[in-house]
Amino acid sequence: MGVDREDVRRQIENWVSTFPPSKMPGRLPYTPRVKKSLCFAAREAKVSQNAPVGAEHILLGLVLEGDGVAGRVLRDFGLSPETTREEIMREVGRNRCGSMDEQLENRLRFLRKASAEQMPHSEVGLFDHLLGTRRLLVEWKARPALCDAGLFHSVYSTDQYELAAIPLSMRDEVRQLIGDEAESLVWLFCMMRRKTLFDQKLHKDRDFSVQHRLTGEWIPLTEGQFHDLITMSFANCLEAFPRCPWNVRRNIRRGLRRFRGIAIGPAQSALDRIEVQWWEFWK
């Protein structure tokens, strides 16, 4: 990467030597910055298709955190998250980093450029939530178009998440990345009034529709689109579930429970595994 290891070492030692000496306990606790760097490292490993956390991911975690001594020194040497990530992929090789395919790399790069990493969502960044939703769909063996839709499912904003990572004027760029079918599902998921999806009369007819949350018009759905939106809703809710307040978790269970019978098998199992605390037993 054009950086000499000894130069980095000396620079870090210069930084550390400016701090006053202090008595250290036998076992040093993790500082908030260390924890943040390790979280970033774990996320980078997750992006690499669940590869084990390695030195390359920790390096990226330090650069992404940026405020600690190591991060500052690395940035002083011109290492940005983008250039570091690209160099790691070249130097270490794709097999070491999880054999991530070129299409997925391009999609993640697009989301990062849209600042999805900096946008908050359920105590993590939007990027982490999108990636986690896709991971659930992959684990559930959903078809590729549905997994791609999961990776972008709320980028245009929704009635429950008002921040838009990508404006609707860029729909064509998203189509080029994930295809027409996946982008259409993303648009439906973002534009629908969520309540109208869950208000469907499941046993009376097969005429599915959702209401546009901005215009109020009704958008007809095919049966396949309806089931895809249900699956995406399960993945979206269950990914964020552990980080939600107890009352939100209760509402999630209520909303998903009604559709358990038509959800795909892995989504049913994931819903069944949700742990109910004793104070949440009331219906």
C-alpha atoms as a PDB file:
ATOM      1  CA  MET A   1       0.000   0.000   0.000  1.00  0.00           C
ATOM      2  CA  GLY A   2       3.038   2.227  -0.244  1.00  0.00           C
ATOM      3  CA  VAL A   3       3.402   2.572   3.545  1.00  0.00           C
ATOM      4  CA  ASP A   4       6.500   1.463   5.438  1.00  0.00           C
ATOM      5  CA  ARG A   5       5.707  -0.595   8.521  1.00  0.00           C
ATOM      6  CA  GLU A   6       8.549   0.875  10.582  1.00  0.00           C
ATOM      7  CA  ASP A   7       7.412   4.410   9.764  1.00  0.00           C
ATOM      8  CA  VAL A   8       3.948   3.547  11.040  1.00  0.00           C
ATOM      9  CA  ARG A   9       5.412   1.973  14.189  1.00  0.00           C
ATOM     10  CA  ARG A  10       7.543   5.047  14.941  1.00  0.00           C
ATOM     11  CA  GLN A  11       4.620   7.386  14.393  1.00  0.00           C
ATOM     12  CA  ILE A  12       2.414   5.368  16.763  1.00  0.00           C
ATOM     13  CA  GLU A  13       5.185   5.328  19.381  1.00  0.00           C
ATOM     14  CA  ASN A  14       5.488   9.118  19.074  1.00  0.00           C
ATOM     15  CA  TRP A  15       1.747   9.465  19.691  1.00  0.00           C
ATOM     16  CA  VAL A  16       1.730   7.086  22.636  1.00  0.00           C
ATOM     17  CA  SER A  17       4.775   8.720  24.266  1.00  0.00           C
ATOM     18  CA  THR A  18       2.849  12.000  24.577  1.00  0.00           C
ATOM     19  CA  PHE A  19       0.417  10.466  27.074  1.00  0.00           C
ATOM     20  CA  PRO A  20       1.338  10.582  30.791  1.00  0.00           C
ATOM     21  CA  PRO A  21       2.339   7.232  32.337  1.00  0.00           C
ATOM     22  CA  SER A  22      -0.335   5.524  34.372  1.00  0.00           C
ATOM     23  CA  LYS A  23      -0.649   2.349  36.365  1.00  0.00           C
ATOM     24  CA  MET A  24      -2.360  -0.330  34.300  1.00  0.00           C
ATOM     25  CA  PRO A  25      -4.517  -3.130  35.718  1.00  0.00           C
ATOM     26  CA  GLY A  26      -3.524  -6.727  35.083  1.00  0.00           C
ATOM     27  CA  ARG A  27      -6.201  -7.131  32.448  1.00  0.00           C
ATOM     28  CA  LEU A  28      -6.855  -4.101  30.272  1.00  0.00           C
ATOM     29  CA  PRO A  29     -10.518  -3.490  29.404  1.00  0.00           C
ATOM     30  CA  TYR A  30     -11.524  -2.620  25.852  1.00  0.00           C
ATOM     31  CA  THR A  31     -11.942   1.103  25.313  1.00  0.00           C
ATOM     32  CA  PRO A  32     -14.998   2.341  23.388  1.00  0.00           C
ATOM     33  CA  ARG A  33     -12.770   2.996  20.364  1.00  0.00           C
ATOM     34  CA  VAL A  34     -11.362  -0.523  20.454  1.00  0.00           C
ATOM     35  CA  LYS A  35     -14.876  -1.934  20.656  1.00  0.00           C
ATOM     36  CA  LYS A  36     -15.947   0.249  17.741  1.00  0.00           C
ATOM     37  CA  SER A  37     -12.947  -0.867  15.667  1.00  0.00           C
ATOM     38  CA  LEU A  38     -13.709  -4.514  16.395  1.00  0.00           C
ATOM     39  CA  CYS A  39     -17.351  -4.007  15.425  1.00  0.00           C
ATOM     40  CA  PHE A  40     -16.214  -2.499  12.127  1.00  0.00           C
ATOM     41  CA  ALA A  41     -13.811  -5.433  11.641  1.00  0.00           C
ATOM     42  CA  ALA A  42     -16.606  -7.940  12.288  1.00  0.00           C
ATOM     43  CA  ARG A  43     -18.828  -6.141   9.823  1.00  0.00           C
ATOM     44  CA  GLU A  44     -16.127  -6.212   7.143  1.00  0.00           C
ATOM     45  CA  ALA A  45     -15.743  -9.958   7.709  1.00  0.00           C
ATOM     46  CA  LYS A  46     -19.505 -10.324   7.395  1.00  0.00           C
ATOM     47  CA  VAL A  47     -19.434  -8.402   4.121  1.00  0.00           C
ATOM     48  CA  SER A  48     -16.802 -10.905   2.979  1.00  0.00           C
ATOM     49  CA  GLN A  49     -19.495 -13.601   3.081  1.00  0.00           C
ATOM     50  CA  ASN A  50     -18.950 -14.557   6.734  1.00  0.00           C
ATOM     51  CA  ALA A  51     -15.173 -14.993   6.472  1.00  0.00           C
ATOM     52  CA  PRO A  52     -13.375 -15.303   9.841  1.00  0.00           C
ATOM     53  CA  VAL A  53     -12.174 -11.975  11.233  1.00  0.00           C
ATOM     54  CA  GLY A  54      -8.565 -11.633  10.118  1.00  0.00           C
ATOM     55  CA  ALA A  55      -5.789  -9.052  10.280  1.00  0.00           C
ATOM     56  CA  GLU A  56      -7.085  -7.449   7.088  1.00  0.00           C
ATOM     57  CA  HIS A  57     -10.490  -6.849   8.664  1.00  0.00           C
ATOM     58  CA  ILE A  58      -8.932  -5.409  11.843  1.00  0.00           C
ATOM     59  CA  LEU A  59      -6.856  -3.051   9.696  1.00  0.00           C
ATOM     60  CA  LEU A  60     -10.024  -1.870   8.003  1.00  0.00           C
ATOM     61  CA  GLY A  61     -11.731  -1.525  11.378  1.00  0.00           C
ATOM     62  CA  LEU A  62      -8.934   0.750  12.618  1.00  0.00           C
ATOM     63  CA  VAL A  63      -9.113   2.930   9.503  1.00  0.00           C
ATOM     64  CA  LEU A  64     -12.911   3.148   9.659  1.00  0.00           C
ATOM     65  CA  GLU A  65     -12.908   4.103  13.341  1.00  0.00           C
ATOM     66  CA  GLY A  66     -10.391   6.813  12.582  1.00  0.00           C
ATOM     67  CA  ASP A  67     -10.287   8.651  15.934  1.00  0.00           C
ATOM     68  CA  GLY A  68      -7.899   6.351  17.795  1.00  0.00           C
ATOM     69  CA  VAL A  69      -4.118   6.592  17.603  1.00  0.00           C
ATOM     70  CA  ALA A  70      -3.812   3.790  15.043  1.00  0.00           C
ATOM     71  CA  GLY A  71      -6.601   5.179  12.897  1.00  0.00           C
ATOM     72  CA  ARG A  72      -5.162   8.699  12.928  1.00  0.00           C
ATOM     73  CA  VAL A  73      -1.687   7.488  12.019  1.00  0.00           C
ATOM     74  CA  LEU A  74      -2.994   5.323   9.196  1.00  0.00           C
ATOM     75  CA  ARG A  75      -5.037   8.228   7.826  1.00  0.00           C
ATOM     76  CA  ASP A  76      -1.974  10.493   8.109  1.00  0.00           C
ATOM     77  CA  PHE A  77      -0.245   8.038   5.796  1.00  0.00           C
ATOM     78  CA  GLY A  78      -3.076   8.449   3.296  1.00  0.00           C
ATOM     79  CA  LEU A  79      -4.993   5.231   3.991  1.00  0.00           C
ATOM     80  CA  SER A  80      -8.715   5.800   3.488  1.00  0.00           C
ATOM     81  CA  PRO A  81     -11.336   3.037   3.977  1.00  0.00           C
ATOM     82  CA  GLU A  82     -11.914   2.859   0.222  1.00  0.00           C
ATOM     83  CA  THR A  83      -8.269   2.587  -0.845  1.00  0.00           C
ATOM     84  CA  THR A  84      -7.471   0.202   2.023  1.00  0.00           C
ATOM     85  CA  ARG A  85     -10.363  -2.085   1.112  1.00  0.00           C
ATOM     86  CA  GLU A  86      -9.329  -2.135  -2.552  1.00  0.00           C
ATOM     87  CA  GLU A  87      -5.694  -2.897  -1.672  1.00  0.00           C
ATOM     88  CA  ILE A  88      -6.705  -5.709   0.666  1.00  0.00           C
ATOM     89  CA  MET A  89      -8.811  -7.306  -2.056  1.00  0.00           C
ATOM     90  CA  ARG A  90      -5.858  -7.138  -4.424  1.00  0.00           C
ATOM     91  CA  GLU A  91      -3.122  -8.214  -2.015  1.00  0.00           C
ATOM     92  CA  VAL A  92      -4.855 -10.868   0.039  1.00  0.00           C
ATOM     93  CA  GLY A  93      -6.990 -12.237  -2.774  1.00  0.00           C
ATOM     94  CA  ARG A  94     -10.661 -13.002  -3.020  1.00  0.00           C
ATOM     95  CA  ASN A  95     -10.454 -16.463  -1.462  1.00  0.00           C
ATOM     96  CA  ARG A  96      -8.998 -15.093   1.749  1.00  0.00           C
ATOM     97  CA  CYS A  97     -11.699 -12.429   1.961  1.00  0.00           C
ATOM     98  CA  GLY A  98     -14.614 -14.774   1.351  1.00  0.00           C
ATOM     99  CA  SER A  99     -14.813 -15.153  -2.428  1.00  0.00           C
ATOM    100  CA  MET A 100     -17.108 -12.180  -2.754  1.00  0.00           C
ATOM    101  CA  ASP A 101     -18.382 -11.897  -6.310  1.00  0.00           C
ATOM    102  CA  GLU A 102     -17.845  -8.772  -8.361  1.00  0.00           C
ATOM    103  CA  GLN A 103     -21.559  -7.911  -8.507  1.00  0.00           C
ATOM    104  CA  LEU A 104     -21.896  -7.894  -4.720  1.00  0.00           C
ATOM    105  CA  GLU A 105     -18.769  -5.776  -4.388  1.00  0.00           C
ATOM    106  CA  ASN A 106     -20.230  -3.221  -6.784  1.00  0.00           C
ATOM    107  CA  ARG A 107     -23.525  -3.108  -4.889  1.00  0.00           C
ATOM    108  CA  LEU A 108     -21.815  -2.616  -1.545  1.00  0.00           C
ATOM    109  CA  ARG A 109     -19.587   0.065  -3.030  1.00  0.00           C
ATOM    110  CA  PHE A 110     -22.716   1.818  -4.335  1.00  0.00           C
ATOM    111  CA  LEU A 111     -24.336   1.732  -0.877  1.00  0.00           C
ATOM    112  CA  ARG A 112     -21.191   3.048   0.775  1.00  0.00           C
ATOM    113  CA  LYS A 113     -21.019   5.895  -1.732  1.00  0.00           C
ATOM    114  CA  ALA A 114     -24.632   6.702  -0.786  1.00  0.00           C
ATOM    115  CA  SER A 115     -23.446   7.098   2.848  1.00  0.00           C
ATOM    116  CA  ALA A 116     -25.524   4.147   4.067  1.00  0.00           C
ATOM    117  CA  GLU A 117     -22.779   3.396   6.616  1.00  0.00           C
ATOM    118  CA  GLN A 118     -23.306   6.777   8.290  1.00  0.00           C
ATOM    119  CA  MET A 119     -27.122   6.609   8.419  1.00  0.00           C
ATOM    120  CA  PRO A 120     -28.506   5.342  11.754  1.00  0.00           C
ATOM    121  CA  HIS A 121     -30.875   2.394  11.969  1.00  0.00           C
ATOM    122  CA  SER A 122     -31.941   0.434  15.076  1.00  0.00           C
ATOM    123  CA  GLU A 123     -28.728   1.183  17.001  1.00  0.00           C
ATOM    124  CA  VAL A 124     -26.505   0.299  14.031  1.00  0.00           C
ATOM    125  CA  GLY A 125     -25.931   1.834  10.618  1.00  0.00           C
ATOM    126  CA  LEU A 126     -28.367   1.398   7.738  1.00  0.00           C
ATOM    127  CA  PHE A 127     -25.613  -0.427   5.839  1.00  0.00           C
ATOM    128  CA  ASP A 128     -25.399  -3.066   8.578  1.00  0.00           C
ATOM    129  CA  HIS A 129     -29.169  -3.508   8.610  1.00  0.00           C
ATOM    130  CA  LEU A 130     -29.357  -3.877   4.827  1.00  0.00           C
ATOM    131  CA  LEU A 131     -26.508  -6.376   4.849  1.00  0.00           C
ATOM    132  CA  GLY A 132     -28.073  -8.312   7.720  1.00  0.00           C
ATOM    133  CA  THR A 133     -31.427  -8.470   5.948  1.00  0.00           C
ATOM    134  CA  ARG A 134     -29.768  -9.857   2.832  1.00  0.00           C
ATOM    135  CA  ARG A 135     -27.861 -12.384   4.949  1.00  0.00           C
ATOM    136  CA  LEU A 136     -31.103 -13.692   6.449  1.00  0.00           C
ATOM    137  CA  LEU A 137     -32.644 -14.087   3.009  1.00  0.00           C
ATOM    138  CA  VAL A 138     -29.550 -15.934   1.779  1.00  0.00           C
ATOM    139  CA  GLU A 139     -29.717 -18.226   4.825  1.00  0.00           C
ATOM    140  CA  TRP A 140     -33.405 -18.836   4.088  1.00  0.00           C
ATOM    141  CA  LYS A 141     -32.392 -19.852   0.530  1.00  0.00           C
ATOM    142  CA  ALA A 142     -34.523 -17.155  -1.073  1.00  0.00           C
ATOM    143  CA  ARG A 143     -33.998 -16.748  -4.804  1.00  0.00           C
ATOM    144  CA  PRO A 144     -31.253 -14.300  -5.905  1.00  0.00           C
ATOM    145  CA  ALA A 145     -33.597 -11.474  -6.954  1.00  0.00           C
ATOM    146  CA  LEU A 146     -35.233 -11.481  -3.524  1.00  0.00           C
ATOM    147  CA  CYS A 147     -31.834 -11.470  -1.783  1.00  0.00           C
ATOM    148  CA  ASP A 148     -30.778  -8.517  -3.942  1.00  0.00           C
ATOM    149  CA  ALA A 149     -33.995  -6.706  -3.062  1.00  0.00           C
ATOM    150  CA  GLY A 150     -33.269  -7.338   0.614  1.00  0.00           C
ATOM    151  CA  LEU A 151     -29.895  -5.613   0.288  1.00  0.00           C
ATOM    152  CA  PHE A 152     -31.618  -2.437  -0.958  1.00  0.00           C
ATOM    153  CA  HIS A 153     -35.040  -2.857   0.628  1.00  0.00           C
ATOM    154  CA  SER A 154     -35.358   0.541   2.351  1.00  0.00           C
ATOM    155  CA  VAL A 155     -32.934   2.755   0.430  1.00  0.00           C
ATOM    156  CA  TYR A 156     -35.672   5.042  -0.955  1.00  0.00           C
ATOM    157  CA  SER A 157     -37.076   5.517   2.605  1.00  0.00           C
ATOM    158  CA  THR A 158     -40.234   3.890   3.928  1.00  0.00           C
ATOM    159  CA  ASP A 159     -43.217   4.934   6.016  1.00  0.00           C
ATOM    160  CA  GLN A 160     -41.293   3.727   9.081  1.00  0.00           C
ATOM    161  CA  TYR A 161     -37.772   4.809   8.090  1.00  0.00           C
ATOM    162  CA  GLU A 162     -37.817   8.331   6.705  1.00  0.00           C
ATOM    163  CA  LEU A 163     -34.145   8.697   5.731  1.00  0.00           C
ATOM    164  CA  ALA A 164     -33.474   8.081   2.048  1.00  0.00           C
ATOM    165  CA  ALA A 165     -30.024   6.796   1.139  1.00  0.00           C
ATOM    166  CA  ILE A 166     -30.849   6.915  -2.565  1.00  0.00           C
ATOM    167  CA  PRO A 167     -33.311   9.321  -4.246  1.00  0.00           C
ATOM    168  CA  LEU A 168     -36.039   7.971  -6.511  1.00  0.00           C
ATOM    169  CA  SER A 169     -34.386   9.837  -9.376  1.00  0.00           C
ATOM    170  CA  MET A 170     -31.639   7.164  -9.267  1.00  0.00           C
ATOM    171  CA  ARG A 171     -33.935   4.190  -9.799  1.00  0.00           C
ATOM    172  CA  ASP A 172     -32.283   3.486 -13.141  1.00  0.00           C
ATOM    173  CA  GLU A 173     -28.868   3.134 -11.493  1.00  0.00           C
ATOM    174  CA  VAL A 174     -30.322   0.717  -8.933  1.00  0.00           C
ATOM    175  CA  ARG A 175     -31.971  -1.300 -11.739  1.00  0.00           C
ATOM    176  CA  GLN A 176     -28.627  -1.622 -13.468  1.00  0.00           C
ATOM    177  CA  LEU A 177     -27.095  -2.954 -10.254  1.00  0.00           C
ATOM    178  CA  ILE A 178     -29.734  -5.449  -9.093  1.00  0.00           C
ATOM    179  CA  GLY A 179     -32.079  -5.950 -12.071  1.00  0.00           C
ATOM    180  CA  ASP A 180     -35.659  -4.936 -12.834  1.00  0.00           C
ATOM    181  CA  GLU A 181     -37.392  -7.544 -10.665  1.00  0.00           C
ATOM    182  CA  ALA A 182     -35.367  -6.810  -7.534  1.00  0.00           C
ATOM    183  CA  GLU A 183     -35.621  -3.038  -7.957  1.00  0.00           C
ATOM    184  CA  SER A 184     -39.377  -3.270  -8.468  1.00  0.00           C
ATOM    185  CA  LEU A 185     -39.664  -5.102  -5.133  1.00  0.00           C
ATOM    186  CA  VAL A 186     -37.496  -2.451  -3.468  1.00  0.00           C
ATOM    187  CA  TRP A 187     -39.749   0.304  -4.852  1.00  0.00           C
ATOM    188  CA  LEU A 188     -42.886  -1.488  -3.661  1.00  0.00           C
ATOM    189  CA  PHE A 189     -41.426  -2.077  -0.210  1.00  0.00           C
ATOM    190  CA  CYS A 190     -40.440   1.587   0.106  1.00  0.00           C
ATOM    191  CA  MET A 191     -43.571   3.136  -1.379  1.00  0.00           C
ATOM    192  CA  MET A 192     -46.265   0.990   0.223  1.00  0.00           C
ATOM    193  CA  ARG A 193     -48.101   1.947   3.354  1.00  0.00           C
ATOM    194  CA  ARG A 194     -46.921  -0.960   5.472  1.00  0.00           C
ATOM    195  CA  LYS A 195     -50.223  -1.379   7.298  1.00  0.00           C
ATOM    196  CA  THR A 196     -52.050  -2.092   4.040  1.00  0.00           C
ATOM    197  CA  LEU A 197     -49.785  -5.055   3.316  1.00  0.00           C
ATOM    198  CA  PHE A 198     -50.712  -6.628   6.628  1.00  0.00           C
ATOM    199  CA  ASP A 199     -54.403  -5.793   6.241  1.00  0.00           C
ATOM    200  CA  GLN A 200     -54.860  -8.224   3.343  1.00  0.00           C
ATOM    201  CA  LYS A 201     -57.850 -10.568   3.617  1.00  0.00           C
ATOM    202  CA  LEU A 202     -55.893 -13.732   3.128  1.00  0.00           C
ATOM    203  CA  HIS A 203     -58.730 -16.256   2.872  1.00  0.00           C
ATOM    204  CA  LYS A 204     -61.392 -14.293   0.982  1.00  0.00           C
ATOM    205  CA  ASP A 205     -59.776 -13.546  -2.371  1.00  0.00           C
ATOM    206  CA  ARG A 206     -56.504 -13.394  -4.242  1.00  0.00           C
ATOM    207  CA  ASP A 207     -56.709  -9.724  -5.270  1.00  0.00           C
ATOM    208  CA  PHE A 208     -53.688  -8.332  -3.464  1.00  0.00           C
ATOM    209  CA  SER A 209     -52.829  -4.622  -3.360  1.00  0.00           C
ATOM    210  CA  VAL A 210     -51.048  -2.037  -1.232  1.00  0.00           C
ATOM    211  CA  GLN A 211     -51.608   1.681  -0.844  1.00  0.00           C
ATOM    212  CA  HIS A 212     -48.994   4.166  -2.051  1.00  0.00           C
ATOM    213  CA  ARG A 213     -47.915   6.016   1.075  1.00  0.00           C
ATOM    214  CA  LEU A 214     -47.387   9.330  -0.762  1.00  0.00           C
ATOM    215  CA  THR A 215     -50.217   9.472  -3.309  1.00  0.00           C
ATOM    216  CA  GLY A 216     -52.827   7.276  -1.618  1.00  0.00           C
ATOM    217  CA  GLU A 217     -53.467   5.304  -4.805  1.00  0.00           C
ATOM    218  CA  TRP A 218     -53.798   1.518  -4.641  1.00  0.00           C
ATOM    219  CA  ILE A 219     -51.086  -0.547  -6.320  1.00  0.00           C
ATOM    220  CA  PRO A 220     -52.146  -4.020  -7.487  1.00  0.00           C
ATOM    221  CA  LEU A 221     -49.800  -6.888  -6.630  1.00  0.00           C
ATOM    222  CA  THR A 222     -49.363 -10.282  -8.152  1.00  0.00           C
ATOM    223  CA  GLU A 223     -49.546 -13.156  -5.698  1.00  0.00           C
ATOM    224  CA  GLY A 224     -45.806 -13.622  -6.119  1.00  0.00           C
ATOM    225  CA  GLN A 225     -45.092  -9.974  -5.285  1.00  0.00           C
ATOM    226  CA  PHE A 226     -47.308 -10.214  -2.222  1.00  0.00           C
ATOM    227  CA  HIS A 227     -45.428 -13.239  -0.894  1.00  0.00           C
ATOM    228  CA  ASP A 228     -42.074 -11.618  -1.697  1.00  0.00           C
ATOM    229  CA  LEU A 229     -43.041  -8.509   0.283  1.00  0.00           C
ATOM    230  CA  ILE A 230     -44.100 -10.711   3.196  1.00  0.00           C
ATOM    231  CA  THR A 231     -40.749 -12.524   3.117  1.00  0.00           C
ATOM    232  CA  MET A 232     -38.868  -9.211   2.937  1.00  0.00           C
ATOM    233  CA  SER A 233     -40.929  -7.910   5.858  1.00  0.00           C
ATOM    234  CA  PHE A 234     -40.036 -10.966   7.934  1.00  0.00           C
ATOM    235  CA  ALA A 235     -36.334 -10.533   7.167  1.00  0.00           C
ATOM    236  CA  ASN A 236     -36.437  -6.770   7.751  1.00  0.00           C
ATOM    237  CA  CYS A 237     -38.190  -7.081  11.115  1.00  0.00           C
ATOM    238  CA  LEU A 238     -36.345 -10.122  12.431  1.00  0.00           C
ATOM    239  CA  GLU A 239     -32.925  -8.675  11.571  1.00  0.00           C
ATOM    240  CA  ALA A 240     -33.614  -5.563  13.667  1.00  0.00           C
ATOM    241  CA  PHE A 241     -35.648  -7.387  16.342  1.00  0.00           C
ATOM    242  CA  PRO A 242     -32.861  -7.911  18.951  1.00  0.00           C
ATOM    243  CA  ARG A 243     -32.048  -4.178  18.926  1.00  0.00           C
ATOM    244  CA  CYS A 244     -35.627  -2.897  19.247  1.00  0.00           C
ATOM    245  CA  PRO A 245     -37.332  -1.734  22.477  1.00  0.00           C
ATOM    246  CA  TRP A 246     -39.563  -4.337  24.119  1.00  0.00           C
ATOM    247  CA  ASN A 247     -42.818  -2.668  22.989  1.00  0.00           C
ATOM    248  CA  VAL A 248     -41.613  -2.622  19.373  1.00  0.00           C
ATOM    249  CA  ARG A 249     -40.618  -6.284  19.650  1.00  0.00           C
ATOM    250  CA  ARG A 250     -44.099  -7.076  20.927  1.00  0.00           C
ATOM    251  CA  ASN A 251     -45.660  -5.295  17.938  1.00  0.00           C
ATOM    252  CA  ILE A 252     -43.327  -7.100  15.539  1.00  0.00           C
ATOM    253  CA  ARG A 253     -44.427 -10.454  16.913  1.00  0.00           C
ATOM    254  CA  ARG A 254     -48.069  -9.452  16.642  1.00  0.00           C
ATOM    255  CA  GLY A 255     -47.682  -8.305  13.052  1.00  0.00           C
ATOM    256  CA  LEU A 256     -45.707 -11.303  11.828  1.00  0.00           C
ATOM    257  CA  ARG A 257     -47.626 -13.950  13.754  1.00  0.00           C
ATOM    258  CA  ARG A 258     -50.726 -13.498  11.590  1.00  0.00           C
ATOM    259  CA  PHE A 259     -48.730 -14.281   8.453  1.00  0.00           C
ATOM    260  CA  ARG A 260     -46.707 -17.121   9.855  1.00  0.00           C
ATOM    261  CA  GLY A 261     -48.805 -19.719   8.035  1.00  0.00           C
ATOM    262  CA  ILE A 262     -47.979 -18.321   4.585  1.00  0.00           C
ATOM    263  CA  ALA A 263     -44.344 -17.410   5.280  1.00  0.00           C
ATOM    264  CA  ILE A 264     -41.572 -19.585   3.888  1.00  0.00           C
ATOM    265  CA  GLY A 265     -40.406 -22.343   6.240  1.00  0.00           C
ATOM    266  CA  PRO A 266     -37.128 -20.753   7.408  1.00  0.00           C
ATOM    267  CA  ALA A 267     -38.942 -17.477   8.171  1.00  0.00           C
ATOM    268  CA  GLN A 268     -41.490 -19.397  10.258  1.00  0.00           C
ATOM    269  CA  SER A 269     -38.667 -21.063  12.191  1.00  0.00           C
ATOM    270  CA  ALA A 270     -36.921 -17.721  12.734  1.00  0.00           C
ATOM    271  CA  LEU A 271     -40.134 -16.242  14.138  1.00  0.00           C
ATOM    272  CA  ASP A 272     -40.602 -19.242  16.419  1.00  0.00           C
ATOM    273  CA  ARG A 273     -37.094 -18.797  17.825  1.00  0.00           C
ATOM    274  CA  ILE A 274     -37.805 -15.304  19.121  1.00  0.00           C
ATOM    275  CA  GLU A 275     -37.355 -15.386  22.859  1.00  0.00           C
ATOM    276  CA  VAL A 276     -40.287 -13.961  24.793  1.00  0.00           C
ATOM    277  CA  GLN A 277     -39.454 -12.276  28.079  1.00  0.00           C
ATOM    278  CA  TRP A 278     -41.812 -12.867  30.979  1.00  0.00           C
ATOM    279  CA  TRP A 279     -43.058  -9.248  30.983  1.00  0.00           C
ATOM    280  CA  GLU A 280     -43.923  -9.479  27.275  1.00  0.00           C
ATOM    281  CA  PHE A 281     -46.390 -12.350  27.540  1.00  0.00           C
ATOM    282  CA  TRP A 282     -49.527 -10.272  27.319  1.00  0.00           C
ATOM    283  CA  LYS A 283     -51.088 -10.239  23.868  1.00  0.00           C
END
